[in-house]
Each structure stands twice: as structure tokens, then as C-alpha cells.
């Protein structure tokens, strides 16, 4: 946001604050004279709104074009698969070796719920080592 846009918003906020009492009274007979600065502020803020609407439309188009919702669902599904795999591995007798390799201060070896985290960390480090 530019300084001009910020100043325009502040100017319109001041106008709104000054007329707040009349707005609360729902006085429909309010008359006001807007000076050049006020009209320029209105124009600037309307331009800003238009810019923002164009950006939103652009990102909505990209979102739909690349089917991001499907990607998000796929990532959630993969996270769930990883959780289930870690839970399964924790039921086997190999988690003790994995926990020992992690050096996790929170792990008390074979604690329910903690070994799954050690298993995930173990494989995260493996992925980083491959990169």
C-alpha cells in the first residue's frame, strides 16, 4: 500500500468519525460538502479496492486452474497415511532402535504416542540426508 493510499484511507476515516453521530441517529437529511482532498481520497480508495478485487480474481483463477483444493485434500490424505504407517511401525519391535537414533528428549522408549513422533523424525532426517 502506498503512502497516498494510506493517507486517503485515514482521510476517509476522519470523515466517517466526524459524521458518526449523525450516522447513529440515522439522520437521512445529512448534507456535507466534500473538498478536493476528500474527493481525491474517495477516488484513491476506490482504485485500491479495484486493485484488490483484480488480485483476488487472479488468484481465484489460478486456484481453480491448478485445482488447489484437490492438492490440499491429497496432502491431508498423505499426512494421514504417514500417521497410520508410523502407528503401525510403532507396534513392531523396531521402534526401540529408531527412538535410540533420534535422541529425542521427550521419548522414554516405547511410550504410547511418542514413538510415532520418533519414527516420523527418523524418516524426515532420512529424506534430508538424501537431498
N, C-alpha and C. Protein backbone atom coordinates (compact mmCIF):
# COMPACT_ATOMS: atom_id res chain seq x y z
N UNK A 1 0.85 -1.17 0.00
CA UNK A 1 0.00 0.00 0.00
C UNK A 1 0.90 1.24 0.00
N UNK A 2 0.56 2.17 -0.85
CA UNK A 2 1.37 3.39 -0.96
C UNK A 2 0.99 4.38 0.14
N UNK A 3 1.84 5.40 0.33
CA UNK A 3 1.54 6.45 1.31
C UNK A 3 0.27 7.19 0.91
N UNK A 4 0.09 7.43 -0.38
CA UNK A 4 -1.10 8.13 -0.85
C UNK A 4 -2.36 7.34 -0.49
N UNK A 5 -2.30 6.04 -0.67
CA UNK A 5 -3.45 5.19 -0.33
C UNK A 5 -3.71 5.20 1.17
N UNK A 6 -2.64 5.13 1.96
CA UNK A 6 -2.78 5.17 3.41
C UNK A 6 -3.41 6.49 3.87
N UNK A 7 -2.92 7.59 3.31
CA UNK A 7 -3.45 8.91 3.67
C UNK A 7 -4.91 9.05 3.25
N UNK A 8 -5.26 8.49 2.10
CA UNK A 8 -6.65 8.54 1.64
C UNK A 8 -7.57 7.79 2.60
N UNK A 9 -7.13 6.64 3.03
CA UNK A 9 -7.93 5.85 3.98
C UNK A 9 -8.07 6.61 5.29
N UNK A 10 -6.98 7.21 5.77
CA UNK A 10 -7.05 7.99 7.02
C UNK A 10 -8.00 9.17 6.86
N UNK A 11 -7.95 9.85 5.73
CA UNK A 11 -8.83 10.98 5.48
C UNK A 11 -10.30 10.55 5.50
N UNK A 12 -10.60 9.46 4.83
CA UNK A 12 -11.98 8.98 4.80
C UNK A 12 -12.42 8.48 6.18
N UNK A 13 -11.49 7.93 6.94
CA UNK A 13 -11.81 7.51 8.31
C UNK A 13 -12.15 8.71 9.17
N UNK A 14 -11.42 9.80 8.99
CA UNK A 14 -11.71 11.02 9.74
C UNK A 14 -13.11 11.55 9.39
N UNK A 15 -13.43 11.56 8.09
CA UNK A 15 -14.76 12.00 7.66
C UNK A 15 -15.83 11.12 8.29
N UNK A 16 -15.59 9.81 8.29
CA UNK A 16 -16.54 8.88 8.88
C UNK A 16 -16.68 9.12 10.38
N UNK A 17 -15.57 9.33 11.07
CA UNK A 17 -15.61 9.58 12.51
C UNK A 17 -16.36 10.87 12.83
N UNK A 18 -16.14 11.89 12.02
CA UNK A 18 -16.83 13.16 12.26
C UNK A 18 -18.35 13.04 12.07
N UNK A 19 -18.75 12.19 11.18
CA UNK A 19 -20.18 12.06 10.91
C UNK A 19 -20.82 10.87 11.63
N UNK A 20 -20.07 10.23 12.49
CA UNK A 20 -20.57 9.04 13.19
C UNK A 20 -21.84 9.32 14.00
N UNK A 21 -21.88 10.44 14.69
CA UNK A 21 -23.05 10.78 15.50
C UNK A 21 -24.30 10.87 14.62
N UNK A 22 -24.17 11.50 13.47
CA UNK A 22 -25.31 11.61 12.56
C UNK A 22 -25.68 10.25 11.98
N UNK A 23 -24.69 9.43 11.74
CA UNK A 23 -24.96 8.09 11.23
C UNK A 23 -25.71 7.25 12.27
N UNK A 24 -25.33 7.40 13.53
CA UNK A 24 -26.01 6.66 14.59
C UNK A 24 -27.46 7.10 14.74
N UNK A 25 -27.71 8.35 14.50
CA UNK A 25 -29.08 8.88 14.58
C UNK A 25 -29.89 8.47 13.35
N UNK A 26 -29.19 7.88 12.37
CA UNK A 26 -29.81 7.52 11.10
C UNK A 26 -30.49 8.73 10.47
N UNK A 27 -29.83 9.84 10.60
CA UNK A 27 -30.31 11.09 10.04
C UNK A 27 -30.10 11.07 8.52
N UNK A 28 -31.19 10.98 7.77
CA UNK A 28 -31.10 10.88 6.32
C UNK A 28 -31.00 12.26 5.66
N UNK A 29 -31.09 13.31 6.44
CA UNK A 29 -31.03 14.66 5.90
C UNK A 29 -29.65 15.29 6.05
N UNK A 30 -28.65 14.47 6.20
CA UNK A 30 -27.29 14.99 6.36
C UNK A 30 -26.84 15.58 5.03
N UNK A 31 -26.29 16.74 5.10
CA UNK A 31 -25.65 17.32 3.91
C UNK A 31 -24.20 17.57 4.26
N UNK A 32 -23.37 17.33 3.29
CA UNK A 32 -21.94 17.52 3.53
C UNK A 32 -21.30 18.07 2.27
N UNK A 33 -20.28 18.80 2.48
CA UNK A 33 -19.51 19.32 1.36
C UNK A 33 -18.16 18.64 1.41
N UNK A 34 -17.84 17.98 0.31
CA UNK A 34 -16.55 17.32 0.22
C UNK A 34 -15.60 18.23 -0.56
N UNK A 35 -14.44 18.42 -0.01
CA UNK A 35 -13.46 19.25 -0.73
C UNK A 35 -12.66 18.37 -1.70
N UNK A 36 -11.73 19.00 -2.39
CA UNK A 36 -10.94 18.29 -3.40
C UNK A 36 -10.19 17.11 -2.78
N UNK A 37 -9.63 17.31 -1.59
CA UNK A 37 -8.88 16.24 -0.91
C UNK A 37 -9.79 15.06 -0.62
N UNK A 38 -11.01 15.32 -0.17
CA UNK A 38 -11.96 14.25 0.13
C UNK A 38 -12.31 13.47 -1.14
N UNK A 39 -12.57 14.19 -2.23
CA UNK A 39 -12.91 13.53 -3.49
C UNK A 39 -11.72 12.72 -4.01
N UNK A 40 -10.54 13.27 -3.88
CA UNK A 40 -9.32 12.57 -4.29
C UNK A 40 -9.14 11.31 -3.44
N UNK A 41 -9.43 11.40 -2.14
CA UNK A 41 -9.34 10.24 -1.24
C UNK A 41 -10.31 9.16 -1.67
N UNK A 42 -11.54 9.56 -2.00
CA UNK A 42 -12.53 8.58 -2.47
C UNK A 42 -12.04 7.88 -3.72
N UNK A 43 -11.51 8.64 -4.66
CA UNK A 43 -11.00 8.07 -5.90
C UNK A 43 -9.85 7.10 -5.63
N UNK A 44 -8.95 7.49 -4.75
CA UNK A 44 -7.79 6.64 -4.42
C UNK A 44 -8.23 5.34 -3.77
N UNK A 45 -9.15 5.43 -2.81
CA UNK A 45 -9.61 4.23 -2.12
C UNK A 45 -10.40 3.32 -3.07
N UNK A 46 -11.20 3.91 -3.92
CA UNK A 46 -11.93 3.09 -4.90
C UNK A 46 -10.95 2.39 -5.85
N UNK A 47 -9.88 3.06 -6.24
CA UNK A 47 -8.86 2.44 -7.08
C UNK A 47 -8.18 1.29 -6.34
N UNK A 48 -7.92 1.51 -5.05
CA UNK A 48 -7.30 0.47 -4.24
C UNK A 48 -8.20 -0.75 -4.15
N UNK A 49 -9.48 -0.53 -3.93
CA UNK A 49 -10.44 -1.64 -3.86
C UNK A 49 -10.46 -2.39 -5.18
N UNK A 50 -10.47 -1.65 -6.28
CA UNK A 50 -10.47 -2.29 -7.60
C UNK A 50 -9.22 -3.14 -7.79
N UNK A 51 -8.05 -2.62 -7.40
CA UNK A 51 -6.80 -3.38 -7.48
C UNK A 51 -6.91 -4.69 -6.69
N UNK A 52 -7.43 -4.58 -5.48
CA UNK A 52 -7.55 -5.76 -4.63
C UNK A 52 -8.51 -6.78 -5.23
N UNK A 53 -9.61 -6.30 -5.81
CA UNK A 53 -10.56 -7.21 -6.44
C UNK A 53 -9.92 -7.93 -7.63
N UNK A 54 -9.10 -7.21 -8.39
CA UNK A 54 -8.41 -7.82 -9.54
C UNK A 54 -7.42 -8.88 -9.07
N UNK A 55 -6.71 -8.60 -7.97
CA UNK A 55 -5.78 -9.58 -7.42
C UNK A 55 -6.52 -10.83 -6.94
N UNK A 56 -7.63 -10.61 -6.26
CA UNK A 56 -8.43 -11.74 -5.77
C UNK A 56 -8.91 -12.58 -6.95
N UNK A 57 -9.41 -11.92 -7.99
CA UNK A 57 -9.90 -12.64 -9.17
C UNK A 57 -8.76 -13.43 -9.82
N UNK A 58 -7.58 -12.83 -9.87
CA UNK A 58 -6.41 -13.51 -10.46
C UNK A 58 -6.08 -14.77 -9.67
N UNK A 59 -6.04 -14.65 -8.35
CA UNK A 59 -5.69 -15.81 -7.53
C UNK A 59 -6.80 -16.85 -7.52
N UNK A 60 -8.05 -16.43 -7.60
CA UNK A 60 -9.15 -17.39 -7.70
C UNK A 60 -9.02 -18.20 -8.99
N UNK A 61 -8.66 -17.51 -10.08
CA UNK A 61 -8.48 -18.19 -11.37
C UNK A 61 -7.35 -19.20 -11.28
N UNK A 62 -6.22 -18.80 -10.68
CA UNK A 62 -5.09 -19.71 -10.52
C UNK A 62 -5.49 -20.90 -9.66
N UNK A 63 -6.19 -20.61 -8.57
CA UNK A 63 -6.61 -21.66 -7.64
C UNK A 63 -7.48 -22.68 -8.37
N UNK A 64 -8.42 -22.19 -9.16
CA UNK A 64 -9.30 -23.10 -9.90
C UNK A 64 -8.54 -23.81 -11.01
N UNK A 65 -7.66 -23.07 -11.70
CA UNK A 65 -6.92 -23.63 -12.83
C UNK A 65 -6.04 -24.80 -12.40
N UNK A 66 -5.40 -24.65 -11.27
CA UNK A 66 -4.50 -25.69 -10.81
C UNK A 66 -5.15 -26.65 -9.83
N UNK A 67 -6.43 -26.49 -9.63
CA UNK A 67 -7.21 -27.39 -8.78
C UNK A 67 -6.54 -27.57 -7.41
N UNK A 68 -6.22 -26.43 -6.78
CA UNK A 68 -5.51 -26.44 -5.49
C UNK A 68 -6.28 -27.17 -4.40
N UNK A 69 -7.60 -27.12 -4.46
CA UNK A 69 -8.39 -27.80 -3.43
C UNK A 69 -8.08 -29.30 -3.44
N UNK A 70 -7.96 -29.85 -4.65
CA UNK A 70 -7.65 -31.28 -4.77
C UNK A 70 -6.26 -31.55 -4.19
N UNK A 71 -5.31 -30.64 -4.44
CA UNK A 71 -3.96 -30.81 -3.91
C UNK A 71 -3.97 -30.80 -2.39
N UNK A 72 -4.71 -29.89 -1.81
CA UNK A 72 -4.78 -29.80 -0.35
C UNK A 72 -5.36 -31.10 0.21
N UNK A 73 -6.41 -31.62 -0.43
CA UNK A 73 -7.01 -32.88 0.03
C UNK A 73 -6.01 -34.02 -0.09
N UNK A 74 -5.23 -34.03 -1.17
CA UNK A 74 -4.22 -35.08 -1.36
C UNK A 74 -3.14 -35.00 -0.28
N UNK A 75 -2.71 -33.78 0.05
CA UNK A 75 -1.71 -33.62 1.11
C UNK A 75 -2.24 -34.08 2.46
N UNK A 76 -3.50 -33.74 2.75
CA UNK A 76 -4.11 -34.20 4.00
C UNK A 76 -4.17 -35.72 4.04
N UNK A 77 -4.51 -36.31 2.89
CA UNK A 77 -4.60 -37.77 2.80
C UNK A 77 -3.22 -38.39 3.03
N UNK A 78 -2.18 -37.80 2.43
CA UNK A 78 -0.82 -38.33 2.60
C UNK A 78 -0.37 -38.19 4.05
N UNK A 79 -0.70 -37.09 4.70
CA UNK A 79 -0.37 -36.92 6.12
C UNK A 79 -1.03 -38.00 6.96
N UNK A 80 -2.27 -38.32 6.65
CA UNK A 80 -2.99 -39.35 7.39
C UNK A 80 -2.34 -40.72 7.16
N UNK A 81 -1.93 -40.98 5.90
CA UNK A 81 -1.25 -42.24 5.60
C UNK A 81 0.04 -42.34 6.40
N UNK A 82 0.81 -41.26 6.46
CA UNK A 82 2.07 -41.26 7.22
C UNK A 82 1.80 -41.51 8.69
N UNK A 83 0.75 -40.89 9.23
CA UNK A 83 0.40 -41.12 10.64
C UNK A 83 0.07 -42.59 10.89
N UNK A 84 -0.72 -43.17 10.00
CA UNK A 84 -1.10 -44.58 10.16
C UNK A 84 0.11 -45.50 10.02
N UNK A 85 1.00 -45.19 9.10
CA UNK A 85 2.21 -46.01 8.94
C UNK A 85 3.08 -45.93 10.19
N UNK A 86 3.23 -44.72 10.74
CA UNK A 86 4.04 -44.56 11.95
C UNK A 86 3.42 -45.32 13.12
N UNK A 87 2.10 -45.27 13.22
CA UNK A 87 1.43 -46.03 14.28
C UNK A 87 1.67 -47.52 14.12
N UNK A 88 1.61 -48.00 12.88
CA UNK A 88 1.84 -49.42 12.62
C UNK A 88 3.27 -49.81 12.96
N UNK A 89 4.23 -49.02 12.52
CA UNK A 89 5.63 -49.32 12.79
C UNK A 89 5.89 -49.33 14.29
N UNK A 90 5.19 -48.45 15.01
CA UNK A 90 5.37 -48.40 16.46
C UNK A 90 4.90 -49.68 17.14
N UNK A 91 4.02 -50.44 16.48
CA UNK A 91 3.56 -51.70 17.07
C UNK A 91 4.57 -52.82 16.86
N UNK A 92 5.53 -52.61 15.95
CA UNK A 92 6.56 -53.62 15.69
C UNK A 92 7.69 -53.44 16.70
N UNK A 93 8.62 -54.32 16.69
CA UNK A 93 9.72 -54.24 17.65
C UNK A 93 10.92 -53.45 17.12
N UNK A 94 10.72 -52.62 16.12
CA UNK A 94 11.85 -51.86 15.59
C UNK A 94 11.90 -50.43 16.11
N UNK A 95 10.84 -49.99 16.75
CA UNK A 95 10.81 -48.60 17.17
C UNK A 95 11.86 -48.28 18.22
N UNK A 96 12.28 -49.26 18.99
CA UNK A 96 13.28 -49.01 20.00
C UNK A 96 14.59 -48.54 19.35
N UNK A 97 14.96 -49.17 18.24
CA UNK A 97 16.17 -48.76 17.52
C UNK A 97 16.00 -47.36 16.94
N UNK A 98 14.84 -47.08 16.41
CA UNK A 98 14.58 -45.76 15.82
C UNK A 98 14.62 -44.70 16.92
N UNK A 99 13.98 -44.95 18.03
CA UNK A 99 13.98 -43.98 19.13
C UNK A 99 15.39 -43.70 19.62
N UNK A 100 16.22 -44.71 19.65
CA UNK A 100 17.60 -44.54 20.10
C UNK A 100 18.38 -43.66 19.13
N UNK A 101 18.08 -43.75 17.84
CA UNK A 101 18.78 -42.96 16.83
C UNK A 101 18.32 -41.51 16.79
N UNK A 102 17.15 -41.24 17.29
CA UNK A 102 16.58 -39.89 17.21
C UNK A 102 17.16 -38.98 18.29
N UNK A 103 17.48 -39.51 19.43
CA UNK A 103 17.94 -38.72 20.57
C UNK A 103 16.90 -37.68 20.96
N UNK A 104 15.69 -38.12 21.07
CA UNK A 104 14.56 -37.26 21.40
C UNK A 104 14.44 -37.18 22.93
N UNK A 105 14.55 -35.98 23.48
CA UNK A 105 14.47 -35.81 24.93
C UNK A 105 13.09 -36.19 25.48
N UNK A 106 12.06 -36.08 24.64
CA UNK A 106 10.70 -36.37 25.09
C UNK A 106 10.39 -37.87 25.07
N UNK A 107 11.26 -38.64 24.47
CA UNK A 107 10.97 -40.07 24.29
C UNK A 107 11.48 -40.87 25.48
N UNK A 108 10.58 -41.64 26.08
CA UNK A 108 11.01 -42.52 27.17
C UNK A 108 10.97 -43.97 26.72
N UNK A 109 11.25 -44.18 25.44
CA UNK A 109 11.31 -45.51 24.83
C UNK A 109 10.01 -46.28 25.05
N UNK A 110 9.31 -46.43 23.99
CA UNK A 110 8.11 -47.27 23.96
C UNK A 110 6.88 -46.61 24.59
N UNK A 111 6.88 -45.32 24.82
CA UNK A 111 5.71 -44.64 25.38
C UNK A 111 4.67 -44.49 24.28
N UNK A 112 3.43 -44.74 24.59
CA UNK A 112 2.36 -44.65 23.60
C UNK A 112 2.25 -43.22 23.08
N UNK A 113 2.27 -43.07 21.78
CA UNK A 113 2.14 -41.77 21.17
C UNK A 113 3.45 -41.08 20.89
N UNK A 114 4.48 -41.37 21.66
CA UNK A 114 5.77 -40.73 21.45
C UNK A 114 6.57 -41.43 20.37
N UNK A 115 6.48 -42.72 20.28
CA UNK A 115 7.26 -43.45 19.30
C UNK A 115 6.87 -43.07 17.88
N UNK A 116 5.61 -42.77 17.65
CA UNK A 116 5.17 -42.35 16.32
C UNK A 116 5.91 -41.09 15.89
N UNK A 117 6.10 -40.18 16.84
CA UNK A 117 6.84 -38.94 16.52
C UNK A 117 8.30 -39.25 16.23
N UNK A 118 8.90 -40.16 16.97
CA UNK A 118 10.29 -40.54 16.72
C UNK A 118 10.42 -41.16 15.33
N UNK A 119 9.47 -41.98 14.97
CA UNK A 119 9.51 -42.64 13.67
C UNK A 119 9.42 -41.60 12.55
N UNK A 120 8.52 -40.64 12.70
CA UNK A 120 8.39 -39.59 11.69
C UNK A 120 9.68 -38.78 11.58
N UNK A 121 10.26 -38.42 12.74
CA UNK A 121 11.51 -37.66 12.74
C UNK A 121 12.63 -38.45 12.08
N UNK A 122 12.68 -39.75 12.35
CA UNK A 122 13.70 -40.61 11.77
C UNK A 122 13.65 -40.55 10.25
N UNK A 123 12.44 -40.68 9.70
CA UNK A 123 12.31 -40.68 8.24
C UNK A 123 12.45 -39.28 7.65
N UNK A 124 12.09 -38.25 8.39
CA UNK A 124 12.33 -36.88 7.93
C UNK A 124 13.82 -36.64 7.75
N UNK A 125 14.61 -37.12 8.71
CA UNK A 125 16.07 -36.96 8.62
C UNK A 125 16.62 -37.77 7.45
N UNK A 126 16.06 -38.95 7.20
CA UNK A 126 16.49 -39.78 6.08
C UNK A 126 16.26 -39.03 4.77
N UNK A 127 15.11 -38.37 4.65
CA UNK A 127 14.79 -37.62 3.43
C UNK A 127 15.78 -36.47 3.26
N UNK A 128 16.09 -35.77 4.34
CA UNK A 128 17.04 -34.66 4.28
C UNK A 128 18.42 -35.14 3.91
N UNK A 129 18.82 -36.33 4.37
CA UNK A 129 20.13 -36.89 4.04
C UNK A 129 20.22 -37.23 2.55
N UNK A 130 19.12 -37.60 1.95
CA UNK A 130 19.08 -37.96 0.54
C UNK A 130 19.23 -36.72 -0.34
N UNK A 131 18.69 -35.58 0.12
CA UNK A 131 18.78 -34.33 -0.64
C UNK A 131 20.17 -33.91 -0.73
